[in-house]
Protein backbone atom coordinates (compact mmCIF):
# COMPACT_ATOMS: atom_id res chain seq x y z
CA UNK A 1 -25.58 -15.69 -19.50
CA UNK A 2 -29.24 -15.18 -18.79
CA UNK A 3 -31.89 -17.83 -19.36
CA UNK A 4 -33.44 -17.14 -22.76
CA UNK A 5 -36.73 -18.62 -21.56
CA UNK A 6 -36.89 -15.97 -18.86
CA UNK A 7 -36.23 -13.26 -21.45
CA UNK A 8 -38.96 -14.62 -23.75
CA UNK A 9 -41.58 -15.19 -21.09
CA UNK A 10 -40.92 -12.16 -18.84
CA UNK A 11 -39.45 -9.62 -21.22
CA UNK A 12 -40.70 -6.55 -19.37
CA UNK A 13 -39.43 -7.89 -16.04
CA UNK A 14 -35.97 -8.46 -17.52
CA UNK A 15 -35.97 -4.95 -19.00
CA UNK A 16 -36.89 -3.44 -15.64
CA UNK A 17 -34.21 -5.39 -13.77
CA UNK A 18 -31.46 -4.67 -16.29
CA UNK A 19 -32.41 -0.99 -16.25
CA UNK A 20 -31.22 -1.00 -12.63
CA UNK A 21 -27.70 -1.87 -13.82
CA UNK A 22 -27.77 0.66 -16.64
CA UNK A 23 -28.85 -1.49 -19.59
CA UNK A 24 -31.26 0.10 -22.07
CA UNK A 25 -34.48 -1.71 -22.91
CA UNK A 26 -33.42 -1.81 -26.55
CA UNK A 27 -30.67 -4.32 -25.72
CA UNK A 28 -33.31 -6.77 -24.51
CA UNK A 29 -35.49 -6.10 -27.55
CA UNK A 30 -32.50 -6.85 -29.77
CA UNK A 31 -32.01 -10.21 -28.07
CA UNK A 32 -35.70 -11.05 -28.37
CA UNK A 33 -35.65 -10.19 -32.08
CA UNK A 34 -32.46 -12.19 -32.67
CA UNK A 35 -33.94 -15.16 -30.85
CA UNK A 36 -37.17 -14.95 -32.86
CA UNK A 37 -35.29 -14.84 -36.14
CA UNK A 38 -33.12 -17.78 -35.13
CA UNK A 39 -36.13 -19.86 -34.06
CA UNK A 40 -38.06 -19.02 -37.21
CA UNK A 41 -35.16 -20.19 -39.36
CA UNK A 42 -34.83 -23.37 -37.32
CA UNK A 43 -38.54 -24.08 -37.81
CA UNK A 44 -38.32 -23.48 -41.56
CA UNK A 45 -35.21 -25.61 -41.98
CA UNK A 46 -36.66 -28.47 -39.95
CA UNK A 47 -39.94 -28.29 -41.91
CA UNK A 48 -38.10 -28.47 -45.24
CA UNK A 49 -35.92 -31.34 -44.02
CA UNK A 50 -39.02 -33.25 -42.95
CA UNK A 51 -40.65 -32.56 -46.34
CA UNK A 52 -37.52 -33.76 -48.16
CA UNK A 53 -37.31 -36.92 -46.07
CA UNK A 54 -40.99 -37.71 -46.58
CA UNK A 55 -40.90 -37.21 -50.37
CA UNK A 56 -37.57 -39.00 -50.74
CA UNK A 57 -39.10 -42.11 -49.18
CA UNK A 58 -41.89 -42.10 -51.75
CA UNK A 59 -39.83 -41.47 -54.89
CA UNK A 60 -38.72 -45.10 -55.40
CA UNK A 61 -42.38 -46.14 -55.28
CA UNK A 62 -43.46 -43.71 -58.01
CA UNK A 63 -43.84 -44.48 -61.67
CA UNK A 64 -40.77 -43.40 -63.66
CA UNK A 65 -42.67 -40.54 -65.29
CA UNK A 66 -43.60 -39.15 -61.88
CA UNK A 67 -40.14 -39.33 -60.39
CA UNK A 68 -38.43 -36.59 -62.37
CA UNK A 69 -40.63 -33.73 -61.10
CA UNK A 70 -40.22 -34.95 -57.51
CA UNK A 71 -36.44 -35.26 -57.88
CA UNK A 72 -36.29 -31.73 -59.28
CA UNK A 73 -38.47 -30.45 -56.47
CA UNK A 74 -36.26 -32.09 -53.83
CA UNK A 75 -33.18 -30.67 -55.48
CA UNK A 76 -34.72 -27.20 -55.14
CA UNK A 77 -35.65 -27.97 -51.54
CA UNK A 78 -32.05 -29.01 -50.88
CA UNK A 79 -30.78 -25.76 -52.35
CA UNK A 80 -33.24 -23.84 -50.20
CA UNK A 81 -32.14 -25.73 -47.08
CA UNK A 82 -28.48 -24.99 -47.85
CA UNK A 83 -29.22 -21.27 -48.21
CA UNK A 84 -31.31 -21.22 -45.04
CA UNK A 85 -28.57 -23.05 -43.11
CA UNK A 86 -26.18 -20.24 -43.95
CA UNK A 87 -28.77 -17.71 -42.78
CA UNK A 88 -29.31 -19.76 -39.63
CA UNK A 89 -25.60 -19.88 -38.86
CA UNK A 90 -25.44 -16.10 -39.12
CA UNK A 91 -28.61 -15.65 -37.07
CA UNK A 92 -27.34 -18.04 -34.38
CA UNK A 93 -24.02 -16.18 -34.19
CA UNK A 94 -25.81 -12.84 -33.88
CA UNK A 95 -28.13 -14.25 -31.21
CA UNK A 96 -25.18 -15.55 -29.20
CA UNK A 97 -23.32 -12.26 -29.58
CA UNK A 98 -26.29 -10.30 -28.28
CA UNK A 99 -26.86 -12.72 -25.39
CA UNK A 100 -23.21 -12.42 -24.33
CA UNK A 101 -23.62 -8.65 -24.04
CA UNK A 102 -26.36 -8.82 -21.38
CA UNK A 103 -25.15 -8.67 -17.75
CA UNK A 104 -26.57 -10.61 -14.85
CA UNK A 105 -29.81 -9.57 -13.16
CA UNK A 106 -29.39 -7.91 -9.75
CA UNK A 107 -30.60 -9.76 -6.69
CA UNK A 108 -33.70 -8.15 -5.11
CA UNK A 109 -31.68 -7.39 -1.97
CA UNK A 110 -29.13 -5.22 -3.82
CA UNK A 111 -29.57 -1.50 -2.97
CA UNK A 112 -30.66 0.72 -5.85
CA UNK A 113 -28.19 3.32 -7.01
CA UNK A 114 -26.61 4.96 -10.02
CA UNK A 115 -22.91 4.56 -9.25
CA UNK A 116 -20.37 3.94 -6.48
CA UNK A 117 -21.57 7.02 -4.59
CA UNK A 118 -24.73 5.07 -3.78
CA UNK A 119 -22.94 2.06 -2.29
CA UNK A 120 -23.85 1.42 1.35
CA UNK A 121 -21.39 0.88 4.19
CA UNK A 122 -22.89 -1.97 6.20
CA UNK A 123 -20.41 -2.12 9.06
CA UNK A 124 -16.95 -1.04 10.14
CA UNK A 125 -14.70 -3.15 12.34
CA UNK A 126 -11.66 -1.85 14.15
CA UNK A 127 -10.73 1.70 14.99
CA UNK A 128 -8.25 3.52 12.77
CA UNK A 129 -5.04 4.13 14.67
CA UNK A 130 -4.42 7.61 16.05
CA UNK A 131 -0.89 8.71 15.22
CA UNK A 132 1.19 11.16 17.23
CA UNK A 133 2.91 12.03 13.97
CA UNK A 134 1.73 12.57 10.41
CA UNK A 135 1.43 9.11 8.79
CA UNK A 136 3.35 8.78 5.55
CA UNK A 137 2.16 7.11 2.35
CA UNK A 138 3.58 3.75 1.37
CA UNK A 139 5.54 5.11 -1.58
CA UNK A 140 7.66 7.15 0.84
CA UNK A 141 7.91 4.42 3.46
CA UNK A 142 8.79 1.70 0.98
CA UNK A 143 11.44 3.80 -0.73
CA UNK A 144 13.11 4.82 2.54
CA UNK A 145 13.02 1.21 3.76
CA UNK A 146 14.74 0.11 0.55
CA UNK A 147 12.00 -2.41 -0.25
CA UNK A 148 10.21 -0.60 -3.06
CA UNK A 149 11.89 0.56 -6.28
CA UNK A 150 9.74 2.49 -8.74
CA UNK A 151 12.53 3.66 -11.05
CA UNK A 152 13.76 0.16 -11.85
CA UNK A 153 10.22 -1.11 -12.34
CA UNK A 154 9.67 1.58 -14.95
CA UNK A 155 13.08 0.90 -16.50
CA UNK A 156 12.29 -2.80 -16.89
CA UNK A 157 8.62 -2.65 -17.95
CA UNK A 158 7.31 0.90 -18.15
CA UNK A 159 4.72 2.90 -16.23
CA UNK A 160 2.59 1.23 -13.54
CA UNK A 161 5.29 -1.33 -12.79
CA UNK A 162 7.56 -1.48 -9.74
CA UNK A 163 10.05 -3.78 -8.03
CA UNK A 164 9.72 -5.20 -4.52
CA UNK A 165 13.15 -5.84 -3.01
CA UNK A 166 14.49 -7.82 -0.06
CA UNK A 167 12.11 -7.71 2.88
CA UNK A 168 9.45 -6.12 0.67
CA UNK A 169 9.35 -9.14 -1.62
CA UNK A 170 9.42 -11.38 1.43
CA UNK A 171 6.53 -9.48 3.03
CA UNK A 172 4.36 -9.98 -0.04
CA UNK A 173 5.30 -13.67 -0.19
CA UNK A 174 4.56 -14.03 3.53
CA UNK A 175 1.12 -12.51 3.08
CA UNK A 176 0.29 -14.83 0.18
CA UNK A 177 1.45 -17.96 2.01
CA UNK A 178 -0.29 -17.03 5.26
CA UNK A 179 -3.55 -16.26 3.47
CA UNK A 180 -3.45 -19.56 1.59
CA UNK A 181 -2.74 -21.46 4.82
CA UNK A 182 -5.61 -19.66 6.59
CA UNK A 183 -8.13 -20.49 3.87
CA UNK A 184 -6.96 -24.09 3.60
CA UNK A 185 -6.62 -24.99 7.28
CA UNK A 186 -9.36 -22.84 8.85
CA UNK A 187 -11.88 -22.30 6.06
CA UNK A 188 -11.66 -25.68 4.32
CA UNK A 189 -10.69 -24.65 0.79
CA UNK A 190 -8.75 -26.87 -1.59
CA UNK A 191 -5.70 -25.15 -3.04
CA UNK A 192 -5.40 -24.92 -6.81
CA UNK A 193 -2.37 -23.74 -8.76
CA UNK A 194 -3.88 -22.85 -12.16
CA UNK A 195 -2.29 -21.72 -15.43
CA UNK A 196 -1.84 -17.98 -15.90
CA UNK A 197 -2.61 -18.29 -19.62
CA UNK A 198 -6.05 -19.55 -20.64
CA UNK A 199 -8.05 -20.25 -23.77
CA UNK A 200 -10.53 -17.76 -25.14
CA UNK A 201 -13.41 -20.03 -24.10
CA UNK A 202 -12.39 -19.54 -20.47
CA UNK A 203 -12.77 -15.78 -20.77
CA UNK A 204 -16.25 -16.17 -22.26
CA UNK A 205 -17.20 -18.67 -19.58
CA UNK A 206 -16.15 -16.36 -16.75
CA UNK A 207 -17.87 -13.36 -18.35
CA UNK A 208 -14.68 -11.44 -19.20
CA UNK A 209 -15.21 -11.59 -22.95
CA UNK A 210 -16.41 -9.87 -25.00
CA UNK A 211 -17.05 -7.09 -22.46
CA UNK A 212 -13.51 -6.48 -21.18
CA UNK A 213 -11.34 -7.43 -24.16
CA UNK A 214 -9.46 -4.12 -24.15
CA UNK A 215 -8.19 -4.68 -20.62
CA UNK A 216 -6.87 -8.21 -21.14
CA UNK A 217 -3.37 -9.06 -22.35
CA UNK A 218 -3.53 -11.41 -25.33
CA UNK A 219 -0.97 -13.64 -27.05
CA UNK A 220 -2.33 -13.48 -30.59
CA UNK A 221 -0.06 -16.17 -32.01
CA UNK A 222 -1.28 -18.95 -29.73
CA UNK A 223 -4.61 -17.25 -28.91
CA UNK A 224 -3.98 -17.47 -25.18
CA UNK A 225 -5.07 -14.82 -22.71
CA UNK A 226 -3.33 -13.75 -19.50
CA UNK A 227 -5.58 -14.01 -16.46
CA UNK A 228 -6.72 -10.84 -14.75
CA UNK A 229 -7.86 -12.95 -11.79
CA UNK A 230 -7.76 -16.61 -10.74
CA UNK A 231 -11.55 -16.48 -10.99
CA UNK A 232 -11.15 -17.17 -14.73
CA UNK A 233 -9.34 -20.53 -14.59
CA UNK A 234 -11.25 -21.57 -11.45
CA UNK A 235 -14.60 -21.00 -13.18
CA UNK A 236 -13.49 -23.20 -16.04
CA UNK A 237 -12.13 -26.11 -14.00
CA UNK A 238 -15.53 -27.77 -14.43
CA UNK A 239 -16.57 -26.32 -17.77
CA UNK A 240 -18.90 -28.68 -19.71
CA UNK A 241 -19.23 -31.00 -16.69
CA UNK A 242 -22.17 -32.39 -14.74
CA UNK A 243 -21.24 -32.50 -11.05
CA UNK A 244 -22.65 -34.86 -8.46
CA UNK A 245 -24.85 -33.08 -5.91
CA UNK A 246 -22.99 -34.90 -3.14
CA UNK A 247 -19.75 -33.18 -4.22
CA UNK A 248 -21.17 -29.70 -3.61
CA UNK A 249 -20.12 -27.28 -2.37
CA UNK A 250 -16.73 -27.22 -4.05
CA UNK A 251 -14.45 -24.61 -2.44
CA UNK A 252 -11.19 -23.65 -4.13
CA UNK A 253 -8.48 -21.15 -3.29
CA UNK A 254 -5.72 -20.10 -5.66
CA UNK A 255 -2.82 -17.71 -5.79
CA UNK A 256 -1.98 -16.17 -9.16
CA UNK A 257 -0.24 -13.20 -10.56
CA UNK A 258 -2.87 -11.08 -12.32
CA UNK A 259 -2.49 -8.96 -15.42
CA UNK A 260 -4.73 -6.05 -16.43
CA UNK A 261 -4.13 -3.24 -18.86
CA UNK A 262 -5.85 -0.67 -16.62
CA UNK A 263 -7.02 1.33 -19.64
CA UNK A 264 -10.22 2.20 -17.81
CA UNK A 265 -8.27 3.85 -14.97
CA UNK A 266 -5.92 6.05 -16.99
CA UNK A 267 -4.81 9.01 -14.92
CA UNK A 268 -6.04 7.52 -11.62
CA UNK A 269 -3.86 6.51 -8.67
CA UNK A 270 -0.63 7.24 -10.48
CA UNK A 271 1.42 7.28 -7.28
CA UNK A 272 2.36 4.18 -5.37
CA UNK A 273 1.45 0.56 -6.00
CA UNK A 274 -2.31 0.69 -5.63
CA UNK A 275 -3.07 0.18 -9.31
CA UNK A 276 -0.69 -1.64 -11.66
CA UNK A 277 -0.71 -3.80 -14.75
CA UNK A 278 0.61 -6.76 -12.73
CA UNK A 279 -0.33 -7.68 -9.18
CA UNK A 280 -0.74 -10.73 -6.94
CA UNK A 281 -3.99 -12.04 -5.53
CA UNK A 282 -5.35 -14.94 -3.50
CA UNK A 283 -8.79 -15.89 -4.82
CA UNK A 284 -11.59 -17.88 -3.18
CA UNK A 285 -14.13 -19.65 -5.38
CA UNK A 286 -17.20 -21.79 -4.73
CA UNK A 287 -19.52 -24.00 -6.79
CA UNK A 288 -22.77 -24.52 -4.87
CA UNK A 289 -26.36 -25.66 -5.34
CA UNK A 290 -28.68 -22.71 -6.12
CA UNK A 291 -30.46 -22.81 -2.77
CA UNK A 292 -27.11 -22.49 -0.97
CA UNK A 293 -25.63 -19.50 -2.79
CA UNK A 294 -27.06 -16.71 -0.60
CA UNK A 295 -25.50 -18.24 2.51
CA UNK A 296 -22.30 -19.01 0.63
CA UNK A 297 -21.86 -15.33 -0.22
CA UNK A 298 -22.01 -14.38 3.46
CA UNK A 299 -19.54 -17.16 4.22
CA UNK A 300 -17.01 -16.10 1.60
CA UNK A 301 -17.26 -12.51 2.84
CA UNK A 302 -16.57 -13.72 6.37
CA UNK A 303 -13.49 -15.55 5.17
CA UNK A 304 -12.19 -12.37 3.54
CA UNK A 305 -12.84 -10.46 6.78
CA UNK A 306 -10.89 -13.07 8.73
CA UNK A 307 -7.79 -12.02 6.81
CA UNK A 308 -8.25 -8.38 7.81
CA UNK A 309 -8.92 -9.43 11.41
CA UNK A 310 -5.83 -11.63 11.50
CA UNK A 311 -3.70 -8.72 10.34
CA UNK A 312 -5.32 -6.35 12.84
CA UNK A 313 -6.36 -3.92 10.12
CA UNK A 314 -9.45 -1.69 10.38
CA UNK A 315 -11.89 -2.63 7.67
CA UNK A 316 -15.41 -2.07 6.48
CA UNK A 317 -17.99 -3.97 4.42
CA UNK A 318 -19.73 -2.15 1.59
CA UNK A 319 -22.89 -3.37 -0.14
CA UNK A 320 -22.53 -2.56 -3.82
CA UNK A 321 -25.52 -0.85 -5.43
CA UNK A 322 -27.11 -1.82 -8.74
CA UNK A 323 -25.33 0.85 -10.75
CA UNK A 324 -21.89 -0.31 -9.57
CA UNK A 325 -22.56 -4.04 -9.57
CA UNK A 326 -20.50 -4.97 -12.60
CA UNK A 327 -21.23 -7.51 -15.31
CA UNK A 328 -21.40 -11.00 -13.78
CA UNK A 329 -22.48 -10.44 -10.18
CA UNK A 330 -26.06 -10.61 -8.97
CA UNK A 331 -24.97 -9.37 -5.56
CA UNK A 332 -21.62 -8.08 -4.36
CA UNK A 333 -19.87 -6.90 -1.22
CA UNK A 334 -16.61 -4.99 -1.18
CA UNK A 335 -14.18 -5.32 1.70
CA UNK A 336 -12.14 -2.17 2.24
CA UNK A 337 -9.12 -1.65 4.49
CA UNK A 338 -8.07 1.71 5.91
CA UNK A 339 -4.78 3.15 4.65
CA UNK A 340 -3.83 6.13 6.84
CA UNK A 341 -0.92 7.30 4.70
CA UNK A 342 -3.08 7.49 1.58
CA UNK A 343 -5.97 8.65 3.79
CA UNK A 344 -8.48 6.38 2.07
CA UNK A 345 -10.28 3.07 2.22
CA UNK A 346 -8.74 0.57 -0.19
CA UNK A 347 -10.81 -2.17 -1.77
CA UNK A 348 -9.02 -5.47 -1.14
CA UNK A 349 -11.83 -7.89 -1.98
CA UNK A 350 -15.01 -8.03 -4.00
CA UNK A 351 -17.17 -10.97 -2.93
CA UNK A 352 -19.74 -11.84 -5.56
CA UNK A 353 -22.64 -14.23 -6.00
CA UNK A 354 -22.86 -14.78 -9.75
CA UNK A 355 -25.87 -17.13 -9.43
CA UNK A 356 -26.08 -19.31 -12.58
CA UNK A 357 -24.74 -16.59 -14.91
CA UNK A 358 -21.22 -17.99 -15.32
CA UNK A 359 -22.45 -21.58 -15.13
CA UNK A 360 -24.67 -21.05 -18.17
CA UNK A 361 -21.81 -19.53 -20.13
CA UNK A 362 -19.41 -22.32 -19.14
CA UNK A 363 -22.07 -25.09 -19.13
CA UNK A 364 -21.46 -26.24 -15.56
CA UNK A 365 -24.31 -28.27 -14.13
CA UNK A 366 -25.04 -30.64 -11.29
CA UNK A 367 -27.53 -33.46 -10.90
CA UNK A 368 -29.75 -33.01 -7.83
CA UNK A 369 -30.08 -35.96 -5.51
CA UNK A 370 -32.73 -38.47 -6.49
CA UNK A 371 -35.91 -38.64 -4.45
CA UNK A 372 -37.81 -41.81 -3.62
CA UNK A 373 -40.48 -42.80 -6.16
CA UNK A 374 -39.58 -39.85 -8.39
CA UNK A 375 -38.01 -39.73 -11.86
CA UNK A 376 -34.28 -39.16 -11.98
CA UNK A 377 -33.81 -35.38 -11.81
CA UNK A 378 -32.40 -33.52 -14.78
CA UNK A 379 -29.12 -31.62 -14.44
CA UNK A 380 -29.39 -28.01 -13.32
CA UNK A 381 -26.92 -25.16 -13.45
CA UNK A 382 -24.79 -24.59 -10.36
CA UNK A 383 -24.27 -21.20 -8.76
CA UNK A 384 -20.76 -19.75 -8.64
CA UNK A 385 -19.25 -17.34 -6.14
CA UNK A 386 -15.88 -15.65 -5.90
CA UNK A 387 -14.01 -13.32 -3.59
CA UNK A 388 -10.47 -12.06 -3.19
CA UNK A 389 -8.88 -13.41 -0.08
CA UNK A 390 -7.14 -10.92 -0.37
CA UNK A 391 -5.72 -8.82 -3.20
CA UNK A 392 -2.12 -7.68 -3.15
CA UNK A 393 -0.49 -5.19 -3.22
CA UNK A 394 -3.15 -3.20 -1.38
CA UNK A 395 -2.73 -5.35 1.70
CA UNK A 396 0.99 -4.51 1.58
CA UNK A 397 0.01 -0.83 1.45
CA UNK A 398 -2.27 -1.23 4.47
CA UNK A 399 0.37 -3.11 6.49
CA UNK A 400 3.08 -0.55 5.76
CA UNK A 401 0.88 2.45 6.49
CA UNK A 402 -0.96 1.10 9.56
CA UNK A 403 2.12 -0.37 11.24
CA UNK A 404 4.52 2.51 10.53
CA UNK A 405 6.41 4.12 13.39
CA UNK A 406 7.65 7.66 13.94
CA UNK A 407 11.24 6.65 13.13
CA UNK A 408 10.22 5.32 9.68
CA UNK A 409 10.27 1.68 10.70
CA UNK A 410 7.33 -0.69 10.17
CA UNK A 411 6.27 -3.36 12.68
CA UNK A 412 5.45 -6.75 11.15
CA UNK A 413 2.01 -8.12 12.18
CA UNK A 414 2.43 -11.08 14.52
CA UNK A 415 0.73 -13.62 12.22
CA UNK A 416 3.31 -12.89 9.51
CA UNK A 417 6.46 -13.17 11.61
CA UNK A 418 6.82 -16.95 11.26
CA UNK A 419 6.64 -16.45 7.48
CA UNK A 420 9.24 -13.66 7.67
CA UNK A 421 11.90 -15.74 9.42
CA UNK A 422 11.07 -14.13 12.74
CA UNK A 423 11.60 -10.55 11.55
CA UNK A 424 9.57 -8.24 13.79
CA UNK A 425 10.31 -4.87 12.26
CA UNK A 426 11.48 -3.34 8.99
CA UNK A 427 13.94 -0.48 9.52
CA UNK A 428 15.41 2.13 7.17
CA UNK A 429 19.02 1.91 6.13
């Protein structure tokens, strides 16, 4: 959520910045109008309450003949206050609804652009392998290896579901466990195992509601929502808390299954396992002081790249332009891995600095360290950052397609072999 004081005091600036991410100026005007109406009602209600309190104190001191008119007047004032309170509740709800619809402001360093065609490739690391045969896509490799079953996935759950079998399931589990171990032991994250079902407040806090309601699975009876990313429960671990400055930064890593309805991608990537309603992901998350968030974004990106490096997979870093930035991020990098069978770069991580946008929605603050001979500082909002470290099953795709051999076998990357019981190669049959 944006700071309403910034919107009030620098309205034209906010309009100009939000225009970069595709928001019309009228959306800001609507918020300003809703805020003005809400504040006007608050002022009127508070004025009437003060008037009622002042007169009520004097009534017992009045002569009996003078009391009746004052009592009648205060009764009318009370009725007016009650009516205004209803108006205020509606105005406050409308103000909050409009505020929740505004995305984050882009960081000044974000490249300008209309959509993903304007994203900028910052660097590429590793050279795509040159094959002496035509590389096959993962849906052929996985089927021939007997580790990927599309028909039974559809039979059990419908389209965009699949089953990983035997060494395929073990490969995915090996990747998850290795990535968690890497982030914990090398990068210093604390592992979290969060719930996969969360309260509605968590979705609002993380910026998923109301914007993305149609893509989220919802249990209406208990009003619980299935997570589309571990970012949601991790954001809300410290909802409504004031953190100690000495505790920052807080760095968490979590594995979860993720659930998305993929309505926005209907008709896209219908072959293979690139885009499904259920997938696995290891997520990195940081709570930091505001002055540390720019450096923290570079750090979290580096940690995502370490995964690609460890697996020996060619990858590239893409700076996301304003038009493709999304809702909560002020700045974002995508990490993409080359998939030779699909003949495309696959996004396996989006690393985002959300500044104080999520913290305002979830009310997560910290108290800066006290300075000598200065008043105790007031709590401030933290900055939050997130990044996949990495997202499955696209890493499975990249491993299968990059490490495939002419005979249809797939070599297991060395870092995964201890997690695969020493298996060095997957073979057909």
